[in-house]
Amino acid sequence: MTFGRSGAASVVLNVGGARYSLSRDLLKDFPLRRVSRLHGCRSERDVLEVCDDYDRERNEYFFDRHSEAFGFILLYVRGHGKLRFAPRMCELSFYNEMIYWGLEGAHLEYCCQRRLDDRMSDTYTFYSADEPGREEPRAGGAEAAPSRRWLERMRLTFEEPTSSLAAQILASVSVVFVIVSMVVLCASTLPDWRAAAADNRSLDDRSRYSAVPGREPSGIIEAICIGWFTAECIVRFIISKNKCEFVKRPLNIIDLLAITPYYISVLMTVFTGENSQLQRAGVTLRVLRMMRIFWVIKLARHFIGLQTLGLTLKRCYREMVMLLVFICVAMAIFSALSQLLEHGLDLEASNKDFASIPAACWWVIISMTTVGYGDMYPITMPGRILGGVCVVSGIVLLALPITFIYHSFVQCYHELKFRSARYSRSLSTEFLN
């Protein structure tokens, strides 16, 4: 930390009148994101971006926040207990303090998470520490402010569909391209479509026609969609703040996986030409072109429902792993028992569908999930009794982690919903100003 009183070995945090002394080394890796940001401040302007006031003589940073809530949060990050709501304090106010200091609802105890979910559902209110675009214009000098403001608007236009009218139009166009691409992809697999496309062509022309993208109307539409997606991805990469972080984002990786196969197929077509390798290349090209189905995931940029699903899976990966462990353990037990009852006890009148434990695993999984295709089923009385137990066990095991996932889904939905509304409010304020 290069800013602050020289020679001071510690700093003082004044949170609503309550003072806390921290060493500089501890400040660097402090668990609360807002506090750790003080270590990277280089000037008083940078400090005031993080806290509300600074006393140079005392080397004291003042935060106009709830002191009791910060005390509970500080005890939690130091490992002295679990994070619960402060007594006689509104759940939403405490949650606002959590977000301000850099915590999320997932840090709360399960009982407090349920209280927060119920309160957010009742009041339909969400608080956030920082409004969009508040810190960026202040970070640079007066000369760099217009360019920074323009870049920030460009980022919001491409990243937040509700941030402006231009962002809504851009998102609508992108959604239209995704839908058109999916419709063409689905229609190209219809027998009538392929028969009409291959009409009046010889066998050699037909194979070459199916392998080379761009020689048919669907190929032209595909090229236009790919061009739009490529241009959008390049622009978003250029205006991004952190290029490395941009490449690591899951949605950007999906964009790359959806766009790259087209260019690979074009290069393969150019290099293979019409020689004997074209037939093998045609299979590879069809596989690559079918990867266009990843484009449908691009809709997650514009629909809160898909974003909520992804965020819920990210936060509930432990519960999902626990669910898979439950299923795998039960599948191993029931598949072994069903194979023994249906095939192992009586080899003459055995059920051929349960000839092995791996074959019985398929029956167990469709029974536990209550799908029941009917392609294989037990025929002996002990096997049918085991099947009933398997179905009931599947219902119970699948229902156990669902409560955790449900509450996380509700919380993620509210966060994303009001994050989108927050950008809309900032846009309205900009027009009013």
Protein backbone atom coordinates (compact mmCIF):
# COMPACT_ATOMS: atom_id res chain seq x y z
CA MET A 1 0.00 0.00 0.00
CA THR A 2 1.66 3.26 -1.12
CA PHE A 3 -0.90 5.73 0.25
CA GLY A 4 -1.28 6.65 3.89
CA ARG A 5 0.87 7.97 6.70
CA SER A 6 4.45 6.88 6.16
CA GLY A 7 5.85 4.49 8.74
CA ALA A 8 2.47 3.48 10.13
CA ALA A 9 2.33 -0.24 10.74
CA SER A 10 -1.45 -0.35 11.03
CA VAL A 11 -4.56 1.37 9.79
CA VAL A 12 -7.79 2.18 11.58
CA LEU A 13 -11.21 1.38 10.18
CA ASN A 14 -13.98 3.55 11.58
CA VAL A 15 -17.30 1.91 10.78
CA GLY A 16 -20.21 3.93 12.10
CA GLY A 17 -18.18 5.07 15.11
CA ALA A 18 -16.69 1.66 15.96
CA ARG A 19 -12.92 1.57 15.40
CA TYR A 20 -10.91 -1.48 14.34
CA SER A 21 -7.12 -1.54 14.02
CA LEU A 22 -5.63 -3.73 11.28
CA SER A 23 -2.05 -4.27 10.19
CA ARG A 24 -1.06 -3.40 6.66
CA ASP A 25 -0.09 -6.98 5.89
CA LEU A 26 -3.49 -8.22 7.05
CA LEU A 27 -5.20 -5.53 5.00
CA LYS A 28 -3.73 -6.88 1.77
CA ASP A 29 -5.43 -10.29 1.96
CA PHE A 30 -8.44 -9.33 4.06
CA PRO A 31 -11.48 -11.53 3.30
CA LEU A 32 -13.79 -8.54 2.78
CA ARG A 33 -13.29 -7.27 -0.75
CA ARG A 34 -14.00 -3.61 0.02
CA VAL A 35 -11.47 -3.52 2.85
CA SER A 36 -8.77 -5.29 0.83
CA ARG A 37 -9.20 -2.72 -1.94
CA LEU A 38 -7.66 -0.11 0.37
CA HIS A 39 -4.29 -1.82 -0.05
CA GLY A 40 -4.17 -0.96 -3.74
CA CYS A 41 -5.06 2.72 -3.35
CA ARG A 42 -2.40 5.11 -4.64
CA SER A 43 -3.96 8.48 -3.86
CA GLU A 44 -6.60 10.07 -1.70
CA ARG A 45 -8.95 10.05 -4.68
CA ASP A 46 -8.62 6.26 -4.89
CA VAL A 47 -9.27 5.96 -1.15
CA LEU A 48 -12.46 7.98 -1.41
CA GLU A 49 -13.61 5.58 -4.09
CA VAL A 50 -13.66 2.86 -1.42
CA CYS A 51 -14.59 4.62 1.85
CA ASP A 52 -16.57 7.74 2.76
CA ASP A 53 -13.83 9.80 4.42
CA TYR A 54 -10.15 9.64 5.33
CA ASP A 55 -8.20 11.23 8.21
CA ARG A 56 -4.54 11.52 7.22
CA GLU A 57 -3.33 12.44 10.70
CA ARG A 58 -4.86 9.39 12.34
CA ASN A 59 -4.52 7.20 9.26
CA GLU A 60 -8.19 6.41 9.78
CA TYR A 61 -10.67 5.31 7.13
CA PHE A 62 -14.30 6.14 7.81
CA PHE A 63 -17.22 4.07 6.52
CA ASP A 64 -20.71 5.42 7.07
CA ARG A 65 -22.22 1.97 7.56
CA HIS A 66 -24.01 0.00 10.29
CA SER A 67 -21.44 -0.73 13.02
CA GLU A 68 -23.30 -3.67 14.59
CA ALA A 69 -23.71 -5.41 11.22
CA PHE A 70 -20.01 -4.95 10.48
CA GLY A 71 -19.19 -6.48 13.86
CA PHE A 72 -21.16 -9.62 12.97
CA ILE A 73 -19.51 -9.77 9.53
CA LEU A 74 -16.04 -9.28 11.03
CA LEU A 75 -16.56 -12.11 13.48
CA TYR A 76 -17.61 -14.36 10.61
CA VAL A 77 -14.61 -13.61 8.36
CA ARG A 78 -12.26 -14.15 11.30
CA GLY A 79 -13.70 -17.61 11.83
CA HIS A 80 -15.47 -16.95 15.12
CA GLY A 81 -18.83 -18.45 14.25
CA LYS A 82 -21.32 -18.57 11.41
CA LEU A 83 -22.89 -15.59 9.70
CA ARG A 84 -26.38 -14.82 10.96
CA PHE A 85 -28.56 -11.73 10.95
CA ALA A 86 -27.92 -9.11 13.59
CA PRO A 87 -30.70 -8.92 16.20
CA ARG A 88 -33.34 -6.21 15.76
CA MET A 89 -32.11 -5.48 12.24
CA CYS A 90 -34.03 -5.83 8.99
CA GLU A 91 -32.92 -8.78 6.87
CA LEU A 92 -32.70 -6.63 3.76
CA SER A 93 -30.64 -3.98 5.52
CA PHE A 94 -28.20 -6.61 6.78
CA TYR A 95 -28.04 -8.13 3.30
CA ASN A 96 -27.28 -4.66 1.93
CA GLU A 97 -24.37 -4.42 4.37
CA MET A 98 -23.13 -7.85 3.29
CA ILE A 99 -23.05 -6.89 -0.37
CA TYR A 100 -21.38 -3.58 0.45
CA TRP A 101 -18.49 -5.34 2.18
CA GLY A 102 -18.20 -8.05 -0.49
CA LEU A 103 -20.21 -11.04 0.78
CA GLU A 104 -23.11 -12.89 -0.83
CA GLY A 105 -26.25 -14.52 0.43
CA ALA A 106 -24.56 -17.92 0.18
CA HIS A 107 -22.40 -17.00 3.19
CA LEU A 108 -25.46 -16.88 5.45
CA GLU A 109 -26.63 -19.77 7.56
CA TYR A 110 -29.32 -21.87 5.92
CA CYS A 111 -32.07 -20.63 8.26
CA CYS A 112 -31.09 -17.02 7.55
CA GLN A 113 -31.05 -17.71 3.82
CA ARG A 114 -34.65 -18.87 4.04
CA ARG A 115 -35.62 -15.73 5.97
CA LEU A 116 -33.91 -13.60 3.35
CA ASP A 117 -35.62 -15.44 0.47
CA ASP A 118 -39.03 -15.02 2.08
CA ARG A 119 -38.43 -11.35 2.78
CA MET A 120 -37.20 -10.64 -0.74
CA SER A 121 -40.18 -12.50 -2.19
CA ASP A 122 -42.59 -10.47 -0.05
CA THR A 123 -41.08 -7.04 -0.60
CA TYR A 124 -39.60 -7.62 -4.07
CA THR A 125 -36.70 -5.36 -3.14
CA PHE A 126 -33.02 -5.77 -3.73
CA TYR A 127 -30.16 -3.58 -2.59
CA SER A 128 -26.73 -3.23 -4.07
CA ALA A 129 -23.65 -1.46 -2.89
CA ASP A 130 -22.53 0.17 -6.12
CA GLU A 131 -24.59 1.61 -8.90
CA PRO A 132 -23.34 0.83 -12.43
CA GLY A 133 -20.96 3.30 -13.94
CA ARG A 134 -20.38 5.14 -10.65
CA GLU A 135 -16.73 4.35 -10.08
CA GLU A 136 -15.36 4.24 -13.61
CA PRO A 137 -15.82 7.93 -14.55
CA ARG A 138 -14.12 8.98 -11.33
CA ALA A 139 -11.14 6.69 -11.74
CA GLY A 140 -9.43 8.65 -14.49
CA GLY A 141 -8.53 12.28 -14.98
CA ALA A 142 -10.65 15.01 -16.49
CA GLU A 143 -9.22 14.49 -19.96
CA ALA A 144 -9.84 10.74 -19.98
CA ALA A 145 -13.40 11.04 -18.62
CA PRO A 146 -15.19 11.33 -22.03
CA SER A 147 -13.38 8.31 -23.50
CA ARG A 148 -13.92 6.25 -20.34
CA ARG A 149 -17.57 7.21 -20.29
CA TRP A 150 -17.93 6.19 -23.94
CA LEU A 151 -16.24 2.84 -23.31
CA GLU A 152 -18.44 2.22 -20.29
CA ARG A 153 -21.55 2.92 -22.35
CA MET A 154 -20.32 0.57 -25.03
CA ARG A 155 -19.73 -2.17 -22.43
CA LEU A 156 -23.19 -1.69 -20.98
CA THR A 157 -24.69 -1.74 -24.47
CA PHE A 158 -23.16 -5.14 -25.26
CA GLU A 159 -23.31 -6.69 -21.76
CA GLU A 160 -26.58 -5.36 -20.28
CA PRO A 161 -29.62 -5.58 -22.60
CA THR A 162 -31.70 -3.29 -20.35
CA SER A 163 -29.12 -0.52 -19.99
CA SER A 164 -30.28 1.55 -22.98
CA LEU A 165 -32.46 1.56 -26.05
CA ALA A 166 -29.48 0.72 -28.24
CA ALA A 167 -28.68 -2.25 -25.98
CA GLN A 168 -32.26 -3.50 -26.27
CA ILE A 169 -32.14 -3.23 -30.06
CA LEU A 170 -28.77 -4.99 -30.19
CA ALA A 171 -30.03 -7.76 -27.93
CA SER A 172 -33.17 -8.18 -30.04
CA VAL A 173 -31.13 -8.47 -33.23
CA SER A 174 -28.84 -11.02 -31.61
CA VAL A 175 -31.84 -13.06 -30.41
CA VAL A 176 -33.30 -12.98 -33.93
CA PHE A 177 -30.05 -14.29 -35.39
CA VAL A 178 -29.92 -17.08 -32.82
CA ILE A 179 -33.52 -18.10 -33.51
CA VAL A 180 -33.03 -18.00 -37.29
CA SER A 181 -29.87 -20.10 -36.99
CA MET A 182 -31.63 -22.68 -34.81
CA VAL A 183 -34.61 -22.87 -37.19
CA VAL A 184 -32.32 -23.40 -40.18
CA LEU A 185 -30.33 -26.03 -38.28
CA CYS A 186 -33.47 -27.95 -37.36
CA ALA A 187 -35.00 -27.62 -40.83
CA SER A 188 -31.83 -28.80 -42.56
CA THR A 189 -32.22 -32.21 -40.90
CA LEU A 190 -35.70 -32.77 -42.37
CA PRO A 191 -35.83 -35.41 -45.15
CA ASP A 192 -37.93 -33.16 -47.39
CA TRP A 193 -35.45 -30.31 -46.98
CA ARG A 194 -32.52 -32.53 -47.95
CA ALA A 195 -34.42 -34.03 -50.86
CA ALA A 196 -35.29 -30.58 -52.21
CA ALA A 197 -31.72 -29.39 -51.79
CA ALA A 198 -30.30 -32.40 -53.60
CA ASP A 199 -32.81 -32.32 -56.45
CA ASN A 200 -31.37 -32.39 -59.99
CA ARG A 201 -27.86 -33.13 -58.71
CA SER A 202 -25.62 -36.07 -59.39
CA LEU A 203 -24.34 -38.28 -56.61
CA ASP A 204 -20.89 -36.66 -56.62
CA ASP A 205 -22.35 -33.17 -56.60
CA ARG A 206 -24.67 -34.17 -53.80
CA SER A 207 -21.84 -35.33 -51.51
CA ARG A 208 -19.81 -32.24 -52.27
CA TYR A 209 -22.88 -30.05 -51.76
CA SER A 210 -23.56 -31.48 -48.31
CA ALA A 211 -20.00 -31.03 -47.14
CA VAL A 212 -19.30 -27.48 -48.25
CA PRO A 213 -21.05 -24.75 -46.25
CA GLY A 214 -22.32 -21.74 -48.09
CA ARG A 215 -23.44 -23.33 -51.41
CA GLU A 216 -27.09 -23.53 -50.48
CA PRO A 217 -29.57 -21.01 -49.02
CA SER A 218 -29.14 -22.46 -45.54
CA GLY A 219 -25.37 -22.08 -45.92
CA ILE A 220 -25.78 -18.41 -46.84
CA ILE A 221 -27.97 -17.82 -43.79
CA GLU A 222 -25.44 -19.65 -41.66
CA ALA A 223 -22.61 -17.47 -42.98
CA ILE A 224 -24.58 -14.29 -42.22
CA CYS A 225 -25.32 -15.46 -38.67
CA ILE A 226 -21.69 -16.43 -38.12
CA GLY A 227 -20.57 -13.05 -39.38
CA TRP A 228 -22.85 -11.29 -36.91
CA PHE A 229 -21.75 -13.44 -34.00
CA THR A 230 -18.08 -13.03 -34.90
CA ALA A 231 -18.34 -9.25 -35.16
CA GLU A 232 -20.22 -9.08 -31.87
CA CYS A 233 -17.63 -11.23 -30.11
CA ILE A 234 -14.71 -9.18 -31.49
CA VAL A 235 -16.26 -5.88 -30.44
CA ARG A 236 -17.01 -7.17 -26.95
CA PHE A 237 -13.42 -8.38 -26.65
CA ILE A 238 -11.98 -5.01 -27.76
CA ILE A 239 -14.04 -2.92 -25.32
CA SER A 240 -13.66 -5.31 -22.36
CA LYS A 241 -11.77 -4.04 -19.31
CA ASN A 242 -9.79 -7.21 -18.64
CA LYS A 243 -9.01 -9.32 -21.69
CA CYS A 244 -7.92 -12.37 -19.67
CA GLU A 245 -11.08 -12.29 -17.59
CA PHE A 246 -13.13 -11.91 -20.77
CA VAL A 247 -11.65 -15.10 -22.24
CA LYS A 248 -12.31 -17.05 -19.02
CA ARG A 249 -16.02 -16.23 -18.82
CA PRO A 250 -18.23 -19.28 -19.50
CA LEU A 251 -20.54 -17.51 -21.96
CA ASN A 252 -17.59 -16.24 -23.97
CA ILE A 253 -16.12 -19.74 -24.08
CA ILE A 254 -19.47 -21.00 -25.38
CA ASP A 255 -19.44 -18.28 -28.05
CA LEU A 256 -16.01 -19.46 -29.15
CA LEU A 257 -17.15 -23.09 -29.26
CA ALA A 258 -20.17 -22.10 -31.36
CA ILE A 259 -18.25 -19.94 -33.84
CA THR A 260 -15.01 -21.89 -34.29
CA PRO A 261 -16.52 -25.04 -35.94
CA TYR A 262 -17.76 -23.01 -38.89
CA TYR A 263 -14.32 -21.67 -39.72
CA ILE A 264 -12.78 -25.10 -39.15
CA SER A 265 -15.28 -26.61 -41.59
CA VAL A 266 -14.46 -23.95 -44.19
CA LEU A 267 -10.73 -24.59 -43.84
CA MET A 268 -11.22 -28.35 -44.06
CA THR A 269 -13.28 -27.93 -47.21
CA VAL A 270 -10.60 -25.73 -48.77
CA PHE A 271 -7.77 -28.13 -47.96
CA THR A 272 -9.55 -31.41 -48.80
CA GLY A 273 -11.12 -30.13 -52.00
CA GLU A 274 -12.70 -32.97 -53.99
CA ASN A 275 -10.17 -35.74 -53.35
CA SER A 276 -10.73 -39.10 -51.68
CA GLN A 277 -10.56 -37.63 -48.21
CA LEU A 278 -13.73 -35.63 -48.75
CA GLN A 279 -16.02 -38.42 -47.66
CA ARG A 280 -14.26 -38.76 -44.30
CA ALA A 281 -14.10 -35.01 -43.99
CA GLY A 282 -17.83 -34.78 -44.67
CA VAL A 283 -18.62 -36.70 -41.50
CA THR A 284 -16.35 -34.43 -39.49
CA LEU A 285 -17.91 -31.36 -41.06
CA ARG A 286 -21.41 -32.51 -40.21
CA VAL A 287 -20.34 -33.02 -36.60
CA LEU A 288 -18.81 -29.55 -36.49
CA ARG A 289 -21.86 -27.94 -38.06
CA MET A 290 -24.10 -29.66 -35.55
CA MET A 291 -22.17 -27.84 -32.81
CA ARG A 292 -24.16 -24.78 -33.81
CA ILE A 293 -26.64 -25.98 -31.22
CA PHE A 294 -24.41 -24.19 -28.68
CA TRP A 295 -25.73 -20.93 -30.09
CA VAL A 296 -28.94 -21.41 -28.16
CA ILE A 297 -26.93 -20.87 -24.96
CA LYS A 298 -26.20 -17.34 -26.22
CA LEU A 299 -29.77 -16.55 -25.24
CA ALA A 300 -28.55 -16.57 -21.63
CA ARG A 301 -27.15 -13.10 -22.25
CA HIS A 302 -30.63 -11.73 -22.82
CA PHE A 303 -32.93 -13.86 -20.63
CA ILE A 304 -32.80 -13.80 -16.85
CA GLY A 305 -34.20 -17.32 -16.62
CA LEU A 306 -31.16 -18.91 -18.26
CA GLN A 307 -28.81 -16.68 -16.26
CA THR A 308 -30.57 -17.77 -13.08
CA LEU A 309 -30.12 -21.41 -14.04
CA GLY A 310 -26.40 -20.97 -14.64
CA LEU A 311 -25.84 -18.97 -11.45
CA THR A 312 -27.81 -21.51 -9.41
CA LEU A 313 -25.74 -24.40 -10.76
CA LYS A 314 -22.58 -22.45 -9.97
CA ARG A 315 -23.58 -21.79 -6.37
CA CYS A 316 -25.14 -25.21 -5.74
CA TYR A 317 -22.42 -27.39 -7.20
CA ARG A 318 -21.93 -29.05 -3.80
CA GLU A 319 -25.61 -29.97 -3.63
CA MET A 320 -25.49 -31.21 -7.22
CA VAL A 321 -22.47 -33.40 -6.44
CA MET A 322 -24.26 -34.69 -3.36
CA LEU A 323 -27.29 -35.54 -5.51
CA LEU A 324 -25.13 -37.42 -8.00
CA VAL A 325 -23.47 -39.34 -5.17
CA PHE A 326 -26.88 -40.36 -3.82
CA ILE A 327 -27.96 -41.60 -7.24
CA CYS A 328 -24.71 -43.45 -7.93
CA VAL A 329 -24.77 -45.25 -4.58
CA ALA A 330 -28.40 -46.25 -4.96
CA MET A 331 -27.82 -47.28 -8.58
CA ALA A 332 -24.94 -49.56 -7.58
CA ILE A 333 -27.02 -51.25 -4.87
CA PHE A 334 -30.26 -51.69 -6.82
CA SER A 335 -28.57 -52.74 -10.07
CA ALA A 336 -26.66 -55.52 -8.30
CA LEU A 337 -29.77 -56.76 -6.48
CA SER A 338 -31.97 -56.61 -9.58
CA GLN A 339 -29.41 -58.52 -11.65
CA LEU A 340 -29.28 -61.18 -8.95
CA LEU A 341 -33.07 -61.52 -8.57
CA GLU A 342 -33.91 -61.37 -12.29
CA HIS A 343 -31.02 -63.31 -13.80
CA GLY A 344 -28.65 -64.79 -11.26
CA LEU A 345 -30.95 -67.02 -9.22
CA ASP A 346 -32.66 -68.90 -12.04
CA LEU A 347 -30.53 -69.12 -15.16
CA GLU A 348 -33.12 -71.12 -17.13
CA ALA A 349 -36.05 -68.71 -16.65
CA SER A 350 -33.91 -65.63 -16.31
CA ASN A 351 -34.72 -62.15 -17.59
CA LYS A 352 -32.32 -61.48 -20.45
CA ASP A 353 -32.67 -57.72 -20.00
CA PHE A 354 -30.89 -57.99 -16.65
CA ALA A 355 -28.03 -60.14 -17.91
CA SER A 356 -25.39 -57.84 -16.36
CA ILE A 357 -25.12 -55.15 -13.72
CA PRO A 358 -24.35 -52.38 -16.25
CA ALA A 359 -27.51 -53.35 -18.16
CA ALA A 360 -29.50 -53.20 -14.92
CA CYS A 361 -28.13 -49.72 -14.20
CA TRP A 362 -30.25 -48.33 -17.03
CA TRP A 363 -33.40 -49.79 -15.49
CA VAL A 364 -32.43 -48.40 -12.06
CA ILE A 365 -31.86 -44.86 -13.32
CA ILE A 366 -35.14 -44.64 -15.25
CA SER A 367 -36.98 -46.13 -12.27
CA MET A 368 -35.45 -43.78 -9.69
CA THR A 369 -36.28 -40.77 -11.83
CA THR A 370 -39.84 -42.19 -12.36
CA VAL A 371 -39.43 -42.06 -16.14
CA GLY A 372 -40.16 -45.73 -16.78
CA TYR A 373 -39.77 -46.19 -20.53
CA GLY A 374 -40.98 -49.80 -20.30
CA ASP A 375 -38.18 -51.12 -22.50
CA MET A 376 -37.06 -53.37 -19.63
CA TYR A 377 -38.83 -54.34 -16.42
CA PRO A 378 -38.67 -57.07 -13.75
CA ILE A 379 -40.82 -60.19 -14.25
CA THR A 380 -40.27 -62.01 -10.96
CA MET A 381 -42.13 -61.16 -7.78
CA PRO A 382 -38.96 -60.32 -5.79
CA GLY A 383 -37.78 -58.17 -8.68
CA ARG A 384 -41.07 -56.25 -8.76
CA ILE A 385 -40.90 -55.64 -5.01
CA LEU A 386 -37.34 -54.39 -5.46
CA GLY A 387 -38.58 -52.16 -8.29
CA GLY A 388 -41.15 -50.55 -6.00
CA VAL A 389 -38.53 -49.92 -3.34
CA CYS A 390 -36.23 -48.49 -6.04
CA VAL A 391 -38.90 -46.02 -7.20
CA VAL A 392 -39.74 -44.84 -3.68
CA SER A 393 -36.04 -44.51 -2.82
CA GLY A 394 -35.46 -42.46 -5.94
CA ILE A 395 -38.23 -40.02 -5.02
CA VAL A 396 -36.82 -39.57 -1.51
CA LEU A 397 -33.18 -39.24 -2.59
CA LEU A 398 -33.97 -36.74 -5.34
CA ALA A 399 -36.12 -34.65 -3.00
CA LEU A 400 -33.50 -34.26 -0.26
CA PRO A 401 -31.18 -31.67 -1.94
CA ILE A 402 -34.00 -29.96 -3.85
CA THR A 403 -34.79 -27.59 -0.97
CA PHE A 404 -31.27 -26.17 -0.97
CA ILE A 405 -31.29 -25.75 -4.75
CA TYR A 406 -34.74 -24.15 -4.70
CA HIS A 407 -33.82 -21.44 -2.20
CA SER A 408 -30.62 -20.71 -4.07
CA PHE A 409 -32.61 -20.43 -7.30
CA VAL A 410 -35.03 -17.94 -5.74
CA GLN A 411 -32.18 -15.86 -4.39
CA CYS A 412 -30.30 -15.87 -7.71
CA TYR A 413 -33.45 -14.89 -9.56
CA HIS A 414 -34.05 -11.89 -7.31
CA GLU A 415 -30.43 -10.79 -7.57
CA LEU A 416 -30.42 -10.90 -11.37
CA LYS A 417 -33.89 -9.40 -11.62
CA PHE A 418 -33.02 -6.32 -9.62
CA ARG A 419 -29.57 -6.07 -11.12
CA SER A 420 -31.32 -5.63 -14.45
CA ALA A 421 -33.77 -3.15 -12.91
CA ARG A 422 -30.84 -1.23 -11.40
CA TYR A 423 -29.35 -0.66 -14.83
CA SER A 424 -32.72 0.52 -16.08
CA ARG A 425 -32.97 2.97 -13.19
CA SER A 426 -29.49 4.31 -13.92
CA LEU A 427 -30.51 4.83 -17.53
CA SER A 428 -33.62 6.77 -16.47
CA THR A 429 -31.53 8.91 -14.11
CA GLU A 430 -29.10 9.67 -16.93
CA PHE A 431 -31.90 10.89 -19.17
CA LEU A 432 -33.37 12.99 -16.35
CA ASN A 433 -30.01 14.61 -15.63
